[in-house]
N, C-alpha and C. Protein backbone atom coordinates (compact mmCIF):
# COMPACT_ATOMS: atom_id res chain seq x y z
N UNK A 1 18.63 7.97 -6.50
CA UNK A 1 17.43 7.32 -6.00
C UNK A 1 17.76 6.75 -4.60
N UNK A 2 16.87 6.97 -3.67
CA UNK A 2 17.09 6.48 -2.33
C UNK A 2 16.65 5.02 -2.22
N UNK A 3 17.06 4.39 -1.14
CA UNK A 3 16.68 3.01 -0.89
C UNK A 3 15.17 2.87 -0.81
N UNK A 4 14.53 3.83 -0.16
CA UNK A 4 13.08 3.79 -0.02
C UNK A 4 12.38 3.90 -1.38
N UNK A 5 12.85 4.77 -2.22
CA UNK A 5 12.27 4.93 -3.55
C UNK A 5 12.50 3.68 -4.41
N UNK A 6 13.69 3.09 -4.29
CA UNK A 6 13.99 1.88 -5.05
C UNK A 6 13.09 0.73 -4.61
N UNK A 7 12.91 0.58 -3.31
CA UNK A 7 12.05 -0.49 -2.81
C UNK A 7 10.60 -0.27 -3.22
N UNK A 8 10.14 0.98 -3.18
CA UNK A 8 8.76 1.28 -3.58
C UNK A 8 8.56 1.01 -5.07
N UNK A 9 9.56 1.31 -5.89
CA UNK A 9 9.42 1.07 -7.33
C UNK A 9 9.37 -0.42 -7.65
N UNK A 10 9.90 -1.25 -6.75
CA UNK A 10 9.85 -2.70 -6.96
C UNK A 10 8.61 -3.34 -6.33
N UNK A 11 7.75 -2.52 -5.74
CA UNK A 11 6.50 -3.02 -5.19
C UNK A 11 6.57 -3.50 -3.75
N UNK A 12 7.59 -3.12 -3.03
CA UNK A 12 7.72 -3.52 -1.64
C UNK A 12 6.73 -2.75 -0.78
N UNK A 13 5.96 -3.44 0.07
CA UNK A 13 5.06 -2.72 0.97
C UNK A 13 5.84 -1.87 1.95
N UNK A 14 5.27 -0.74 2.39
CA UNK A 14 6.00 0.16 3.29
C UNK A 14 6.45 -0.52 4.59
N UNK A 15 5.64 -1.40 5.14
CA UNK A 15 6.02 -2.07 6.40
C UNK A 15 7.25 -2.97 6.19
N UNK A 16 7.28 -3.70 5.10
CA UNK A 16 8.43 -4.57 4.82
C UNK A 16 9.66 -3.73 4.54
N UNK A 17 9.47 -2.62 3.85
CA UNK A 17 10.59 -1.73 3.57
C UNK A 17 11.18 -1.20 4.88
N UNK A 18 10.30 -0.86 5.83
CA UNK A 18 10.77 -0.38 7.11
C UNK A 18 11.51 -1.47 7.88
N UNK A 19 10.93 -2.66 7.94
CA UNK A 19 11.49 -3.74 8.75
C UNK A 19 12.77 -4.33 8.16
N UNK A 20 12.84 -4.45 6.85
CA UNK A 20 13.99 -5.12 6.23
C UNK A 20 15.00 -4.20 5.58
N UNK A 21 14.61 -2.96 5.34
CA UNK A 21 15.52 -2.06 4.67
C UNK A 21 16.05 -0.94 5.53
N UNK A 22 15.13 -0.29 6.23
CA UNK A 22 15.52 0.92 6.95
C UNK A 22 16.01 0.60 8.36
N UNK A 23 15.27 -0.19 9.11
CA UNK A 23 15.65 -0.47 10.50
C UNK A 23 17.01 -1.13 10.65
N UNK A 24 17.38 -2.09 9.81
CA UNK A 24 18.73 -2.65 9.95
C UNK A 24 19.83 -1.59 9.79
N UNK A 25 19.59 -0.61 8.95
CA UNK A 25 20.59 0.45 8.79
C UNK A 25 20.59 1.40 9.98
N UNK A 26 19.46 1.51 10.66
CA UNK A 26 19.35 2.41 11.80
C UNK A 26 19.76 1.79 13.13
N UNK A 27 19.96 0.49 13.18
CA UNK A 27 20.23 -0.18 14.46
C UNK A 27 21.45 0.37 15.19
N UNK A 28 22.57 0.65 14.55
CA UNK A 28 23.68 1.24 15.30
C UNK A 28 23.31 2.58 15.94
N UNK A 29 22.57 3.40 15.21
CA UNK A 29 22.15 4.69 15.76
C UNK A 29 21.14 4.50 16.89
N UNK A 30 20.26 3.52 16.77
CA UNK A 30 19.28 3.25 17.82
C UNK A 30 19.98 2.80 19.09
N UNK A 31 20.93 1.90 18.97
CA UNK A 31 21.67 1.43 20.15
C UNK A 31 22.44 2.58 20.81
N UNK A 32 23.08 3.39 20.00
CA UNK A 32 23.84 4.51 20.55
C UNK A 32 22.93 5.51 21.24
N UNK A 33 21.77 5.79 20.66
CA UNK A 33 20.86 6.75 21.27
C UNK A 33 20.25 6.20 22.55
N UNK A 34 19.99 4.90 22.62
CA UNK A 34 19.51 4.30 23.86
C UNK A 34 20.54 4.43 24.97
N UNK A 35 21.77 4.13 24.64
CA UNK A 35 22.83 4.24 25.64
C UNK A 35 23.01 5.69 26.08
N UNK A 36 22.98 6.61 25.14
CA UNK A 36 23.14 8.02 25.47
C UNK A 36 21.97 8.54 26.30
N UNK A 37 20.75 8.17 25.93
CA UNK A 37 19.58 8.59 26.69
C UNK A 37 19.60 8.05 28.10
N UNK A 38 19.99 6.79 28.25
CA UNK A 38 20.06 6.19 29.59
C UNK A 38 21.15 6.87 30.41
N UNK A 39 22.30 7.11 29.79
CA UNK A 39 23.40 7.76 30.51
C UNK A 39 23.02 9.19 30.91
N UNK A 40 22.35 9.91 30.03
CA UNK A 40 21.95 11.27 30.36
C UNK A 40 20.90 11.30 31.47
N UNK A 41 19.97 10.33 31.43
CA UNK A 41 18.95 10.31 32.48
C UNK A 41 19.57 10.03 33.84
N UNK A 42 20.59 9.19 33.88
CA UNK A 42 21.28 8.95 35.14
C UNK A 42 22.27 10.07 35.45
N UNK A 43 22.78 10.74 34.43
CA UNK A 43 23.71 11.83 34.63
C UNK A 43 23.06 13.04 35.27
N UNK A 44 21.80 13.25 35.01
CA UNK A 44 21.07 14.37 35.60
C UNK A 44 20.48 14.01 36.96
N UNK A 45 20.86 12.87 37.48
CA UNK A 45 20.29 12.39 38.74
C UNK A 45 20.60 13.31 39.90
N UNK A 46 21.80 13.84 39.95
CA UNK A 46 22.18 14.73 41.06
C UNK A 46 21.30 15.96 41.12
N UNK A 47 21.05 16.58 39.99
CA UNK A 47 20.19 17.76 39.96
C UNK A 47 18.75 17.39 40.31
N UNK A 48 18.30 16.26 39.84
CA UNK A 48 16.94 15.82 40.14
C UNK A 48 16.78 15.53 41.62
N UNK A 49 17.76 14.87 42.22
CA UNK A 49 17.68 14.59 43.65
C UNK A 49 17.67 15.86 44.48
N UNK A 50 18.29 16.91 43.98
CA UNK A 50 18.36 18.16 44.71
C UNK A 50 17.02 18.90 44.72
N UNK A 51 16.30 18.87 43.62
CA UNK A 51 15.14 19.74 43.48
C UNK A 51 13.79 19.03 43.45
N UNK A 52 13.74 17.71 43.41
CA UNK A 52 12.43 17.07 43.25
C UNK A 52 11.63 17.12 44.56
N UNK A 53 10.31 17.30 44.46
CA UNK A 53 9.48 17.37 45.67
C UNK A 53 9.27 15.99 46.26
N UNK A 54 8.96 15.95 47.54
CA UNK A 54 8.72 14.65 48.18
C UNK A 54 7.44 14.05 47.61
N UNK A 55 7.42 12.75 47.48
CA UNK A 55 6.28 12.07 46.89
C UNK A 55 6.35 11.97 45.38
N UNK A 56 7.33 12.60 44.77
CA UNK A 56 7.51 12.57 43.32
C UNK A 56 8.85 11.91 43.04
N UNK A 57 8.85 10.93 42.16
CA UNK A 57 10.11 10.25 41.84
C UNK A 57 10.14 9.88 40.37
N UNK A 58 11.27 10.14 39.75
CA UNK A 58 11.47 9.69 38.38
C UNK A 58 12.05 8.28 38.42
N UNK A 59 12.08 7.63 37.28
CA UNK A 59 12.58 6.25 37.23
C UNK A 59 14.04 6.17 37.68
N UNK A 60 14.94 7.06 37.25
CA UNK A 60 16.32 6.97 37.75
C UNK A 60 16.41 7.11 39.27
N UNK A 61 15.57 7.94 39.88
CA UNK A 61 15.58 8.08 41.33
C UNK A 61 15.16 6.78 42.00
N UNK A 62 14.14 6.14 41.45
CA UNK A 62 13.69 4.86 42.00
C UNK A 62 14.76 3.80 41.83
N UNK A 63 15.43 3.79 40.67
CA UNK A 63 16.49 2.80 40.43
C UNK A 63 17.62 2.97 41.45
N UNK A 64 18.04 4.21 41.67
CA UNK A 64 19.11 4.45 42.63
C UNK A 64 18.66 4.07 44.03
N UNK A 65 17.43 4.37 44.39
CA UNK A 65 16.90 3.99 45.69
C UNK A 65 16.89 2.49 45.90
N UNK A 66 16.49 1.76 44.87
CA UNK A 66 16.48 0.29 44.96
C UNK A 66 17.90 -0.26 45.11
N UNK A 67 18.84 0.30 44.37
CA UNK A 67 20.22 -0.16 44.47
C UNK A 67 20.78 0.14 45.86
N UNK A 68 20.47 1.32 46.39
CA UNK A 68 20.95 1.68 47.73
C UNK A 68 20.41 0.74 48.80
N UNK A 69 19.19 0.23 48.59
CA UNK A 69 18.61 -0.72 49.55
C UNK A 69 19.08 -2.15 49.31
N UNK A 70 19.81 -2.37 48.22
CA UNK A 70 20.32 -3.71 47.93
C UNK A 70 19.39 -4.55 47.08
N UNK A 71 18.36 -3.95 46.52
CA UNK A 71 17.41 -4.67 45.66
C UNK A 71 17.84 -4.51 44.20
N UNK A 72 18.77 -5.35 43.78
CA UNK A 72 19.34 -5.20 42.45
C UNK A 72 18.42 -5.70 41.35
N UNK A 73 17.65 -6.73 41.60
CA UNK A 73 16.76 -7.26 40.57
C UNK A 73 15.67 -6.26 40.19
N UNK A 74 14.95 -5.67 41.16
CA UNK A 74 13.97 -4.65 40.76
C UNK A 74 14.60 -3.44 40.08
N UNK A 75 15.80 -3.06 40.52
CA UNK A 75 16.49 -1.94 39.89
C UNK A 75 16.84 -2.27 38.44
N UNK A 76 17.28 -3.50 38.21
CA UNK A 76 17.61 -3.91 36.84
C UNK A 76 16.36 -3.95 35.97
N UNK A 77 15.26 -4.43 36.54
CA UNK A 77 14.01 -4.47 35.79
C UNK A 77 13.53 -3.07 35.42
N UNK A 78 13.62 -2.14 36.36
CA UNK A 78 13.22 -0.77 36.07
C UNK A 78 14.12 -0.13 35.02
N UNK A 79 15.42 -0.41 35.10
CA UNK A 79 16.34 0.12 34.09
C UNK A 79 16.02 -0.45 32.72
N UNK A 80 15.66 -1.72 32.66
CA UNK A 80 15.29 -2.34 31.39
C UNK A 80 14.00 -1.74 30.84
N UNK A 81 13.05 -1.45 31.73
CA UNK A 81 11.81 -0.80 31.30
C UNK A 81 12.11 0.59 30.75
N UNK A 82 13.00 1.32 31.41
CA UNK A 82 13.40 2.64 30.94
C UNK A 82 14.01 2.56 29.54
N UNK A 83 14.86 1.58 29.33
CA UNK A 83 15.45 1.40 27.99
C UNK A 83 14.39 1.02 26.96
N UNK A 84 13.44 0.17 27.35
CA UNK A 84 12.38 -0.23 26.43
C UNK A 84 11.49 0.93 26.03
N UNK A 85 11.14 1.76 26.99
CA UNK A 85 10.31 2.93 26.68
C UNK A 85 11.08 3.89 25.78
N UNK A 86 12.36 4.06 26.03
CA UNK A 86 13.18 4.92 25.18
C UNK A 86 13.24 4.37 23.76
N UNK A 87 13.38 3.06 23.63
CA UNK A 87 13.41 2.44 22.31
C UNK A 87 12.08 2.61 21.60
N UNK A 88 10.98 2.39 22.31
CA UNK A 88 9.66 2.53 21.69
C UNK A 88 9.44 3.96 21.20
N UNK A 89 9.83 4.94 22.00
CA UNK A 89 9.67 6.33 21.59
C UNK A 89 10.53 6.63 20.37
N UNK A 90 11.74 6.13 20.37
CA UNK A 90 12.64 6.37 19.25
C UNK A 90 12.11 5.73 17.97
N UNK A 91 11.60 4.50 18.06
CA UNK A 91 11.06 3.83 16.88
C UNK A 91 9.80 4.53 16.37
N UNK A 92 8.98 5.02 17.27
CA UNK A 92 7.78 5.76 16.86
C UNK A 92 8.16 7.03 16.11
N UNK A 93 9.14 7.74 16.63
CA UNK A 93 9.59 8.96 15.96
C UNK A 93 10.19 8.63 14.60
N UNK A 94 11.00 7.58 14.53
CA UNK A 94 11.63 7.18 13.26
C UNK A 94 10.59 6.75 12.24
N UNK A 95 9.56 6.00 12.70
CA UNK A 95 8.53 5.54 11.77
C UNK A 95 7.73 6.73 11.24
N UNK A 96 7.44 7.69 12.08
CA UNK A 96 6.70 8.87 11.62
C UNK A 96 7.51 9.69 10.63
N UNK A 97 8.82 9.78 10.86
CA UNK A 97 9.65 10.54 9.94
C UNK A 97 9.79 9.83 8.59
N UNK A 98 9.80 8.51 8.61
CA UNK A 98 9.98 7.75 7.38
C UNK A 98 8.69 7.68 6.56
N UNK A 99 7.56 7.80 7.21
CA UNK A 99 6.28 7.68 6.51
C UNK A 99 5.78 9.01 5.96
N UNK A 100 6.55 10.05 6.03
CA UNK A 100 6.13 11.34 5.49
C UNK A 100 6.09 11.33 4.00
């Protein structure tokens, strides 16, 4: 019997089961995937800088541009937003997979 089935048999609502049972077990994987996604997005920066058209910029390009100009606070804020969006997407995917 899985944790989800055991919690459901005890009458736990699905939202509580997700918040207190599943997500704590997934947190190490979530942190690792955020770090990997962020590293990969910055790792592909060289290729992106080579081929992107003028007037078009991805978040890593903007972050590097801000750092090159010496604006570390806006660059940090953009990097944090990038991590937040990655986390939100990951949690949405995880919630959809768990609710099947």
